[in-house]
Amino acid sequence: MKNKVVIITGASSGIGLATAKEFAQKGAKLSLAARSIDKLEELKQELSATGSEIIVTQCDVSIEEDCKLLIDNTIKHFSQIDILINNAGISMRALFKDLDLKVMKQLMDVNFWGTVYCTKYALPHILAQQGSVVGISSIAGFIGLPGRAGYSASKFAMHGFLETLRTENLKNNLHVLVAAPGFTASNVRKAALTADGSQQGETPRAEEKMMSAEEVAQHLYKAIKKRKRTLILTFVEGKLTVFLRKWWPSLVDKLSYNHMAKEPDSPFK
């Protein structure tokens, strides 16, 4: 990965932040994007001190013009793009019957359309390098999680988009990776939206028992390096769930319902 040009969206916190540090350690050149430019500038100073070449762009991936600016800035500075990691995303927790549809649209705008916008403008440059397009998804992209209708819908849509992109470019040596980290310790649940669109503020899960963002970043780096198609992390909540879904879907429905119902203040019991 030394001197490869890597774009990471949602790089100011969580998996994006950990991934930026992981690739910087491996000698990659980074183009980092997030809504919080102050956090990006701090990260740039931190990683630049280690010798990494980094640029940052304030970017709301739900806005097409912001995504185009991100790609333009990257090409202007580095003249190439090798890897695009579509990491920016938001979550939610509410029953669909109670959900304001503006929340559903916001989830799709960020998680799905953000991936589409960035990939659209970066793709010609990535194809020139026979590089990688990565989507940071979730187990919610493989099974419909109760209380997460907008989140699951956006991740399912991401999967369909990326799988089509892979097939269309079979003869172009484009690498496409769908990565499903499972439950990861990060601020994504604190920032998750409730039925009316407000942030829930407190995480309903035991963050200390989850896989760390740093561990996810290490697995992600290896998967990109090996040009894997799919990365599913954690055994019970990840690999086993996806496997069982193929053969006993009704069982997985019941297990996921019971598992999510155990969360404090769950919208269903």
Protein backbone atom coordinates (compact mmCIF):
# COMPACT_ATOMS: atom_id res chain seq x y z
CA MET A 1 0.00 0.00 0.00
CA LYS A 2 3.01 2.32 0.08
CA ASN A 3 2.28 5.46 -1.95
CA LYS A 4 -1.21 4.22 -2.90
CA VAL A 5 -3.74 7.07 -2.85
CA VAL A 6 -6.63 6.19 -0.53
CA ILE A 7 -9.84 8.18 -0.05
CA ILE A 8 -11.71 7.57 3.21
CA THR A 9 -15.08 9.19 3.90
CA GLY A 10 -16.32 9.62 7.45
CA ALA A 11 -12.69 9.74 8.55
CA SER A 12 -13.10 11.94 11.62
CA SER A 13 -14.21 9.18 14.01
CA GLY A 14 -14.83 5.46 14.52
CA ILE A 15 -13.86 3.00 11.81
CA GLY A 16 -12.92 5.80 9.41
CA LEU A 17 -10.48 7.32 11.87
CA ALA A 18 -8.93 3.96 12.73
CA THR A 19 -8.66 3.06 9.03
CA ALA A 20 -6.90 6.33 8.26
CA LYS A 21 -4.31 5.59 10.93
CA GLU A 22 -3.89 1.99 9.70
CA PHE A 23 -3.25 3.01 6.10
CA ALA A 24 -0.98 5.87 7.17
CA GLN A 25 1.17 3.37 9.05
CA LYS A 26 1.46 1.34 5.86
CA GLY A 27 2.73 4.32 3.87
CA ALA A 28 -0.39 5.21 1.91
CA LYS A 29 -1.23 8.74 0.80
CA LEU A 30 -4.55 9.82 2.25
CA SER A 31 -7.44 11.98 1.14
CA LEU A 32 -9.73 12.23 4.15
CA ALA A 33 -13.30 13.51 4.19
CA ALA A 34 -15.89 14.26 6.87
CA ARG A 35 -18.34 16.97 7.86
CA SER A 36 -16.14 18.04 10.78
CA ILE A 37 -13.20 19.88 9.23
CA ASP A 38 -11.75 20.71 12.65
CA LYS A 39 -11.38 17.02 13.53
CA LEU A 40 -9.89 16.31 10.12
CA GLU A 41 -7.29 19.06 10.54
CA GLU A 42 -6.31 17.62 13.94
CA LEU A 43 -5.96 14.17 12.41
CA LYS A 44 -3.93 15.60 9.53
CA GLN A 45 -1.48 17.20 11.96
CA GLU A 46 -1.19 13.99 13.95
CA LEU A 47 -0.54 11.74 10.96
CA SER A 48 1.60 14.25 9.05
CA ALA A 49 3.99 14.23 12.00
CA THR A 50 4.67 10.57 11.20
CA GLY A 51 5.59 11.41 7.61
CA SER A 52 2.24 10.66 5.96
CA GLU A 53 1.09 12.79 3.03
CA ILE A 54 -2.50 13.84 3.72
CA ILE A 55 -5.13 16.21 2.42
CA VAL A 56 -8.53 16.82 3.99
CA THR A 57 -11.84 17.97 2.52
CA GLN A 58 -14.96 19.03 4.36
CA CYS A 59 -17.62 16.84 2.82
CA ASP A 60 -21.22 15.88 3.47
CA VAL A 61 -21.55 12.76 1.30
CA SER A 62 -25.31 13.26 0.96
CA ILE A 63 -24.51 16.30 -1.20
CA GLU A 64 -23.39 15.38 -4.73
CA GLU A 65 -21.33 18.56 -5.19
CA ASP A 66 -19.37 17.85 -2.00
CA CYS A 67 -18.49 14.36 -3.27
CA LYS A 68 -17.35 15.74 -6.63
CA LEU A 69 -15.20 18.32 -4.82
CA LEU A 70 -13.60 15.54 -2.76
CA ILE A 71 -12.61 13.63 -5.88
CA ASP A 72 -11.44 16.78 -7.67
CA ASN A 73 -9.27 17.80 -4.70
CA THR A 74 -7.73 14.33 -4.57
CA ILE A 75 -6.84 14.29 -8.26
CA LYS A 76 -5.55 17.86 -8.14
CA HIS A 77 -3.18 16.98 -5.31
CA PHE A 78 -2.21 13.34 -6.01
CA SER A 79 -3.07 12.91 -9.74
CA GLN A 80 -4.50 9.42 -9.09
CA ILE A 81 -6.87 7.39 -6.92
CA ASP A 82 -6.15 3.78 -6.02
CA ILE A 83 -8.70 3.01 -3.31
CA LEU A 84 -12.04 4.55 -2.33
CA ILE A 85 -13.38 3.53 1.08
CA ASN A 86 -17.03 4.55 1.40
CA ASN A 87 -17.24 4.61 5.18
CA ALA A 88 -19.42 7.62 6.02
CA GLY A 89 -22.74 6.51 7.46
CA ILE A 90 -25.46 7.03 10.03
CA SER A 91 -27.75 4.65 11.90
CA MET A 92 -31.23 4.79 13.42
CA ARG A 93 -33.46 3.05 15.97
CA ALA A 94 -37.24 3.15 15.73
CA LEU A 95 -40.13 1.05 14.48
CA PHE A 96 -41.05 1.84 10.90
CA LYS A 97 -44.68 2.57 11.88
CA ASP A 98 -43.42 5.37 14.16
CA LEU A 99 -40.72 6.64 11.81
CA ASP A 100 -40.83 10.08 10.21
CA LEU A 101 -40.06 9.41 6.55
CA LYS A 102 -37.50 12.23 6.53
CA VAL A 103 -35.33 9.93 8.69
CA MET A 104 -35.61 7.13 6.12
CA LYS A 105 -34.60 9.55 3.38
CA GLN A 106 -31.64 10.85 5.40
CA LEU A 107 -30.36 7.31 5.91
CA MET A 108 -30.59 6.62 2.19
CA ASP A 109 -29.00 9.97 1.29
CA VAL A 110 -25.94 9.33 3.44
CA ASN A 111 -25.44 5.58 3.38
CA PHE A 112 -26.55 4.76 -0.17
CA TRP A 113 -26.35 7.94 -2.22
CA GLY A 114 -23.11 8.99 -0.51
CA THR A 115 -21.55 5.76 -1.77
CA VAL A 116 -23.03 6.26 -5.24
CA TYR A 117 -21.89 9.89 -5.56
CA CYS A 118 -18.30 9.27 -4.45
CA THR A 119 -17.96 6.13 -6.53
CA LYS A 120 -19.39 7.80 -9.65
CA TYR A 121 -16.77 10.55 -9.70
CA ALA A 122 -13.87 8.40 -8.49
CA LEU A 123 -14.49 5.39 -10.73
CA PRO A 124 -12.67 6.52 -13.91
CA HIS A 125 -9.54 7.21 -11.88
CA ILE A 126 -9.79 3.94 -9.94
CA LEU A 127 -10.26 1.96 -13.15
CA ALA A 128 -7.09 3.57 -14.52
CA GLN A 129 -5.21 2.13 -11.54
CA GLN A 130 -7.15 -1.19 -11.48
CA GLY A 131 -7.84 -0.27 -7.89
CA SER A 132 -10.50 -0.87 -5.26
CA VAL A 133 -13.97 0.39 -4.36
CA VAL A 134 -14.96 -0.48 -0.79
CA GLY A 135 -18.30 -0.16 0.95
CA ILE A 136 -18.39 -0.29 4.75
CA SER A 137 -21.68 -2.01 5.28
CA SER A 138 -23.14 -4.02 8.15
CA ILE A 139 -24.80 -7.30 9.02
CA ALA A 140 -27.91 -5.15 8.54
CA GLY A 141 -27.10 -5.32 4.83
CA PHE A 142 -27.54 -9.10 4.91
CA ILE A 143 -30.58 -9.39 7.19
CA GLY A 144 -33.35 -6.93 7.97
CA LEU A 145 -32.76 -5.80 11.54
CA PRO A 146 -35.91 -4.88 13.51
CA GLY A 147 -35.95 -1.25 14.57
CA ARG A 148 -33.42 -0.43 11.82
CA ALA A 149 -35.61 -0.27 8.70
CA GLY A 150 -33.84 2.73 7.17
CA TYR A 151 -30.41 1.41 8.06
CA SER A 152 -31.00 -2.08 6.64
CA ALA A 153 -32.63 -0.65 3.51
CA SER A 154 -29.66 1.64 2.84
CA LYS A 155 -27.14 -1.16 3.34
CA PHE A 156 -29.08 -3.62 1.18
CA ALA A 157 -29.11 -0.94 -1.52
CA MET A 158 -25.37 -0.44 -1.12
CA HIS A 159 -24.80 -4.17 -1.56
CA GLY A 160 -26.83 -4.31 -4.76
CA PHE A 161 -25.02 -1.30 -6.19
CA LEU A 162 -21.54 -2.62 -5.39
CA GLU A 163 -22.26 -6.14 -6.62
CA THR A 164 -23.52 -4.73 -9.92
CA LEU A 165 -20.45 -2.50 -10.18
CA ARG A 166 -18.23 -5.55 -9.67
CA THR A 167 -19.99 -7.56 -12.36
CA GLU A 168 -20.01 -4.73 -14.87
CA ASN A 169 -16.24 -4.41 -14.49
CA LEU A 170 -15.21 -8.07 -14.51
CA LYS A 171 -12.95 -7.43 -17.50
CA ASN A 172 -11.48 -4.21 -16.07
CA ASN A 173 -9.83 -5.82 -13.03
CA LEU A 174 -11.77 -3.61 -10.64
CA HIS A 175 -11.72 -4.83 -7.05
CA VAL A 176 -14.97 -4.34 -5.13
CA LEU A 177 -15.19 -5.19 -1.43
CA VAL A 178 -18.34 -5.26 0.70
CA ALA A 179 -17.22 -5.13 4.34
CA ALA A 180 -19.60 -5.92 7.21
CA PRO A 181 -17.85 -5.22 10.52
CA GLY A 182 -20.73 -6.28 12.78
CA PHE A 183 -21.27 -4.37 16.03
CA THR A 184 -18.20 -2.16 16.51
CA ALA A 185 -17.33 0.14 19.40
CA SER A 186 -17.83 3.65 17.99
CA ASN A 187 -20.02 6.73 18.29
CA VAL A 188 -22.40 5.57 15.54
CA ARG A 189 -25.07 4.48 18.02
CA LYS A 190 -24.83 7.70 20.05
CA ALA A 191 -25.45 9.65 16.85
CA ALA A 192 -28.16 7.26 15.65
CA LEU A 193 -31.47 8.88 14.75
CA THR A 194 -34.73 8.23 16.56
CA ALA A 195 -38.24 8.22 15.07
CA ASP A 196 -38.41 12.01 14.82
CA GLY A 197 -34.86 12.49 13.53
CA SER A 198 -33.22 13.54 16.80
CA GLN A 199 -30.05 11.80 17.98
CA GLN A 200 -30.58 9.15 20.62
CA GLY A 201 -27.49 10.37 22.52
CA GLU A 202 -26.77 7.24 24.54
CA THR A 203 -25.77 3.88 23.10
CA PRO A 204 -28.15 1.02 23.94
CA ARG A 205 -25.39 -1.58 23.75
CA ALA A 206 -22.31 -2.56 25.80
CA GLU A 207 -19.63 -0.86 23.71
CA GLU A 208 -16.78 -2.31 25.77
CA LYS A 209 -17.74 -5.84 24.68
CA MET A 210 -17.62 -5.07 20.97
CA MET A 211 -14.80 -5.31 18.46
CA SER A 212 -12.70 -2.16 18.47
CA ALA A 213 -12.53 0.16 15.48
CA GLU A 214 -8.77 -0.44 15.37
CA GLU A 215 -9.28 -4.19 15.00
CA VAL A 216 -11.81 -3.62 12.23
CA ALA A 217 -9.32 -1.39 10.42
CA GLN A 218 -6.66 -4.10 10.55
CA HIS A 219 -9.03 -6.67 9.03
CA LEU A 220 -10.14 -4.15 6.43
CA TYR A 221 -6.57 -3.40 5.39
CA LYS A 222 -5.83 -7.11 4.91
CA ALA A 223 -9.05 -7.67 2.94
CA ILE A 224 -8.26 -4.81 0.56
CA LYS A 225 -4.68 -5.97 0.14
CA LYS A 226 -5.89 -9.50 -0.71
CA ARG A 227 -8.67 -8.08 -2.93
CA LYS A 228 -11.42 -10.03 -1.19
CA ARG A 229 -15.05 -9.79 -2.33
CA THR A 230 -16.63 -9.86 1.12
CA LEU A 231 -15.47 -9.27 4.68
CA ILE A 232 -17.78 -10.38 7.49
CA LEU A 233 -16.45 -9.87 10.99
CA THR A 234 -17.43 -11.49 14.32
CA PHE A 235 -18.60 -15.09 14.41
CA VAL A 236 -22.00 -15.28 16.12
CA GLU A 237 -23.44 -11.88 15.12
CA GLY A 238 -21.69 -11.94 11.76
CA LYS A 239 -20.63 -15.09 9.94
CA LEU A 240 -23.02 -17.49 11.68
CA THR A 241 -25.99 -15.17 11.19
CA VAL A 242 -25.32 -14.77 7.47
CA PHE A 243 -24.88 -18.54 7.10
CA LEU A 244 -28.08 -19.37 8.97
CA ARG A 245 -29.99 -16.79 6.94
CA LYS A 246 -29.45 -18.91 3.82
CA TRP A 247 -30.87 -22.09 5.30
CA TRP A 248 -33.15 -21.12 8.22
CA PRO A 249 -34.40 -17.59 7.51
CA SER A 250 -37.39 -17.88 9.85
CA LEU A 251 -35.08 -18.89 12.69
CA VAL A 252 -32.86 -15.87 12.05
CA ASP A 253 -35.95 -13.62 12.08
CA LYS A 254 -36.81 -14.85 15.57
CA LEU A 255 -33.22 -14.71 16.83
CA SER A 256 -32.64 -11.17 15.56
CA TYR A 257 -35.97 -10.00 17.00
CA ASN A 258 -35.19 -11.46 20.43
CA HIS A 259 -31.62 -10.17 20.37
CA MET A 260 -32.54 -6.59 19.46
CA ALA A 261 -35.50 -6.59 21.87
CA LYS A 262 -33.05 -7.00 24.76
CA GLU A 263 -31.61 -3.52 24.19
CA PRO A 264 -32.47 -0.96 26.90
CA ASP A 265 -35.51 1.13 25.86
CA SER A 266 -36.04 -1.08 22.83
CA PRO A 267 -38.94 0.19 20.68
CA PHE A 268 -40.38 -3.35 20.68
CA LYS A 269 -40.47 -6.32 23.07
